[in-house]
Amino acid sequence: MTETTEPTRTAEPQIISDALDVIDHALGDFFSRELVSSVEVTDVLLDVRTLLRRSDEAATAPVTSKGDRDVARA
């Protein structure tokens, strides 16, 4: 029997949407050209990586409550 497991973390839907927008925009731009420089491709990959990294950092950031912030101010 094949068993599927759920991922331990799910990505922030807005971050994924933003990353897909970056990819779609770049593909639209690249599609109409014969040559694409490696610098341009690297820029797109770095943009996507940055967006996905933000999602990873948000998932691992500690959650603080209002009470925690009040204690920190005292």
N, C-alpha and C. Protein backbone atom coordinates (compact mmCIF):
# COMPACT_ATOMS: atom_id res chain seq x y z
N MET A 1 0.84 -1.17 0.00
CA MET A 1 0.00 0.00 0.00
C MET A 1 0.90 1.24 0.00
N THR A 2 0.56 2.20 -0.87
CA THR A 2 1.31 3.43 -0.95
C THR A 2 0.76 4.42 0.06
N GLU A 3 1.65 4.97 0.85
CA GLU A 3 1.24 5.91 1.87
C GLU A 3 1.80 7.28 1.55
N THR A 4 0.96 8.29 1.60
CA THR A 4 1.44 9.64 1.37
C THR A 4 1.56 10.35 2.70
N THR A 5 2.58 11.17 2.77
CA THR A 5 2.77 11.94 4.00
C THR A 5 2.66 13.41 3.67
N GLU A 6 2.11 14.16 4.58
CA GLU A 6 2.01 15.59 4.38
C GLU A 6 3.34 16.24 4.70
N PRO A 7 3.70 17.29 3.97
CA PRO A 7 4.95 17.99 4.30
C PRO A 7 4.84 18.59 5.70
N THR A 8 5.98 18.72 6.35
CA THR A 8 5.98 19.25 7.71
C THR A 8 5.71 20.75 7.72
N ARG A 9 6.03 21.44 6.62
CA ARG A 9 5.77 22.87 6.53
C ARG A 9 5.08 23.15 5.22
N THR A 10 4.18 24.12 5.23
CA THR A 10 3.59 24.58 3.99
C THR A 10 4.02 26.00 3.75
N ALA A 11 4.28 26.32 2.50
CA ALA A 11 4.77 27.66 2.16
C ALA A 11 3.63 28.67 2.23
N GLU A 12 4.00 29.87 2.54
CA GLU A 12 3.04 30.98 2.56
C GLU A 12 2.48 31.16 1.15
N PRO A 13 1.15 31.08 0.99
CA PRO A 13 0.57 31.17 -0.36
C PRO A 13 0.95 32.46 -1.10
N GLN A 14 1.03 33.59 -0.42
CA GLN A 14 1.38 34.85 -1.09
C GLN A 14 2.82 34.82 -1.59
N ILE A 15 3.71 34.22 -0.83
CA ILE A 15 5.12 34.12 -1.26
C ILE A 15 5.21 33.28 -2.53
N ILE A 16 4.51 32.16 -2.55
CA ILE A 16 4.51 31.30 -3.74
C ILE A 16 3.92 32.04 -4.94
N SER A 17 2.85 32.77 -4.71
CA SER A 17 2.23 33.55 -5.78
C SER A 17 3.20 34.60 -6.32
N ASP A 18 3.92 35.28 -5.42
CA ASP A 18 4.90 36.27 -5.84
C ASP A 18 6.03 35.63 -6.65
N ALA A 19 6.49 34.47 -6.21
CA ALA A 19 7.56 33.77 -6.94
C ALA A 19 7.08 33.37 -8.33
N LEU A 20 5.85 32.88 -8.42
CA LEU A 20 5.30 32.50 -9.73
C LEU A 20 5.14 33.73 -10.63
N ASP A 21 4.78 34.87 -10.07
CA ASP A 21 4.69 36.10 -10.86
C ASP A 21 6.04 36.49 -11.43
N VAL A 22 7.10 36.36 -10.63
CA VAL A 22 8.45 36.68 -11.11
C VAL A 22 8.82 35.74 -12.26
N ILE A 23 8.55 34.46 -12.08
CA ILE A 23 8.86 33.47 -13.12
C ILE A 23 8.07 33.75 -14.40
N ASP A 24 6.75 33.98 -14.25
CA ASP A 24 5.90 34.24 -15.42
C ASP A 24 6.35 35.48 -16.18
N HIS A 25 6.70 36.53 -15.44
CA HIS A 25 7.15 37.76 -16.09
C HIS A 25 8.45 37.51 -16.86
N ALA A 26 9.38 36.83 -16.24
CA ALA A 26 10.67 36.55 -16.89
C ALA A 26 10.47 35.66 -18.12
N LEU A 27 9.63 34.63 -17.99
CA LEU A 27 9.39 33.76 -19.14
C LEU A 27 8.76 34.52 -20.30
N GLY A 28 7.85 35.43 -19.99
CA GLY A 28 7.24 36.25 -21.04
C GLY A 28 8.26 37.11 -21.74
N ASP A 29 9.18 37.65 -20.96
CA ASP A 29 10.24 38.49 -21.52
C ASP A 29 11.23 37.65 -22.33
N PHE A 30 11.62 36.51 -21.80
CA PHE A 30 12.61 35.65 -22.46
C PHE A 30 12.06 34.98 -23.72
N PHE A 31 10.77 34.69 -23.73
CA PHE A 31 10.17 33.94 -24.83
C PHE A 31 10.30 34.66 -26.17
N SER A 32 10.24 35.97 -26.14
CA SER A 32 10.26 36.74 -27.38
C SER A 32 11.67 37.01 -27.90
N ARG A 33 12.68 36.52 -27.19
CA ARG A 33 14.06 36.78 -27.59
C ARG A 33 14.77 35.49 -27.98
N GLU A 34 15.76 35.65 -28.86
CA GLU A 34 16.53 34.48 -29.27
C GLU A 34 17.60 34.12 -28.25
N LEU A 35 18.21 35.12 -27.65
CA LEU A 35 19.26 34.89 -26.67
C LEU A 35 18.92 35.55 -25.35
N VAL A 36 19.24 34.86 -24.28
CA VAL A 36 19.07 35.40 -22.94
C VAL A 36 20.41 35.24 -22.23
N SER A 37 20.89 36.32 -21.65
CA SER A 37 22.20 36.24 -21.01
C SER A 37 22.12 35.46 -19.71
N SER A 38 23.23 34.90 -19.34
CA SER A 38 23.29 34.15 -18.08
C SER A 38 23.07 35.08 -16.89
N VAL A 39 23.44 36.34 -17.03
CA VAL A 39 23.23 37.31 -15.96
C VAL A 39 21.73 37.52 -15.72
N GLU A 40 20.97 37.62 -16.80
CA GLU A 40 19.52 37.79 -16.66
C GLU A 40 18.86 36.58 -16.01
N VAL A 41 19.27 35.40 -16.41
CA VAL A 41 18.73 34.18 -15.82
C VAL A 41 19.11 34.09 -14.35
N THR A 42 20.35 34.43 -14.04
CA THR A 42 20.81 34.42 -12.65
C THR A 42 20.01 35.41 -11.81
N ASP A 43 19.72 36.59 -12.35
CA ASP A 43 18.91 37.58 -11.63
C ASP A 43 17.52 37.04 -11.29
N VAL A 44 16.90 36.38 -12.25
CA VAL A 44 15.57 35.81 -12.01
C VAL A 44 15.64 34.72 -10.95
N LEU A 45 16.63 33.85 -11.06
CA LEU A 45 16.77 32.79 -10.07
C LEU A 45 17.02 33.35 -8.67
N LEU A 46 17.83 34.39 -8.58
CA LEU A 46 18.07 35.02 -7.28
C LEU A 46 16.82 35.69 -6.73
N ASP A 47 16.01 36.30 -7.60
CA ASP A 47 14.75 36.90 -7.16
C ASP A 47 13.82 35.85 -6.59
N VAL A 48 13.70 34.73 -7.29
CA VAL A 48 12.83 33.64 -6.81
C VAL A 48 13.37 33.07 -5.51
N ARG A 49 14.67 32.88 -5.44
CA ARG A 49 15.29 32.34 -4.22
C ARG A 49 15.04 33.26 -3.03
N THR A 50 15.15 34.58 -3.26
CA THR A 50 14.91 35.54 -2.19
C THR A 50 13.47 35.46 -1.68
N LEU A 51 12.52 35.36 -2.59
CA LEU A 51 11.12 35.24 -2.20
C LEU A 51 10.87 33.97 -1.40
N LEU A 52 11.42 32.87 -1.87
CA LEU A 52 11.21 31.59 -1.17
C LEU A 52 11.95 31.56 0.17
N ARG A 53 13.07 32.23 0.25
CA ARG A 53 13.83 32.30 1.50
C ARG A 53 13.04 33.07 2.55
N ARG A 54 12.34 34.14 2.11
CA ARG A 54 11.49 34.90 3.02
C ARG A 54 10.42 34.00 3.62
N SER A 55 9.88 33.12 2.80
CA SER A 55 8.87 32.18 3.27
C SER A 55 9.46 31.26 4.32
N ASP A 56 10.68 30.78 4.07
CA ASP A 56 11.35 29.89 5.01
C ASP A 56 11.64 30.60 6.33
N GLU A 57 12.10 31.84 6.25
CA GLU A 57 12.40 32.61 7.46
C GLU A 57 11.13 32.90 8.25
N ALA A 58 10.04 33.21 7.55
CA ALA A 58 8.77 33.49 8.23
C ALA A 58 8.26 32.24 8.94
N ALA A 59 8.49 31.08 8.35
CA ALA A 59 8.01 29.83 8.94
C ALA A 59 8.80 29.47 10.20
N THR A 60 10.05 29.90 10.28
CA THR A 60 10.87 29.54 11.43
C THR A 60 10.98 30.66 12.46
N ALA A 61 10.39 31.82 12.17
CA ALA A 61 10.46 32.94 13.11
C ALA A 61 9.62 32.63 14.35
N PRO A 62 10.14 32.96 15.53
CA PRO A 62 9.37 32.71 16.74
C PRO A 62 8.16 33.63 16.80
N VAL A 63 7.07 33.09 17.29
CA VAL A 63 5.85 33.86 17.43
C VAL A 63 5.85 34.48 18.82
N THR A 64 5.65 35.79 18.87
CA THR A 64 5.61 36.48 20.16
C THR A 64 4.22 37.04 20.39
N SER A 65 3.78 36.98 21.61
CA SER A 65 2.47 37.52 21.95
C SER A 65 2.63 38.93 22.48
N LYS A 66 1.51 39.64 22.64
CA LYS A 66 1.55 40.99 23.18
C LYS A 66 2.17 40.98 24.57
N GLY A 67 1.88 39.98 25.35
CA GLY A 67 2.46 39.87 26.69
C GLY A 67 3.97 39.75 26.66
N ASP A 68 4.48 39.01 25.69
CA ASP A 68 5.94 38.87 25.54
C ASP A 68 6.58 40.21 25.22
N ARG A 69 5.93 41.00 24.37
CA ARG A 69 6.47 42.32 24.00
C ARG A 69 6.43 43.25 25.19
N ASP A 70 5.35 43.19 25.99
CA ASP A 70 5.26 44.05 27.19
C ASP A 70 6.34 43.73 28.19
N VAL A 71 6.65 42.46 28.37
CA VAL A 71 7.70 42.05 29.30
C VAL A 71 9.05 42.55 28.80
N ALA A 72 9.25 42.48 27.49
CA ALA A 72 10.53 42.90 26.91
C ALA A 72 10.75 44.40 27.10
N ARG A 73 9.70 45.18 27.13
CA ARG A 73 9.82 46.64 27.30
C ARG A 73 10.15 47.01 28.73
N ALA A 74 9.72 46.20 29.68
CA ALA A 74 9.89 46.53 31.11
C ALA A 74 11.33 46.46 31.56
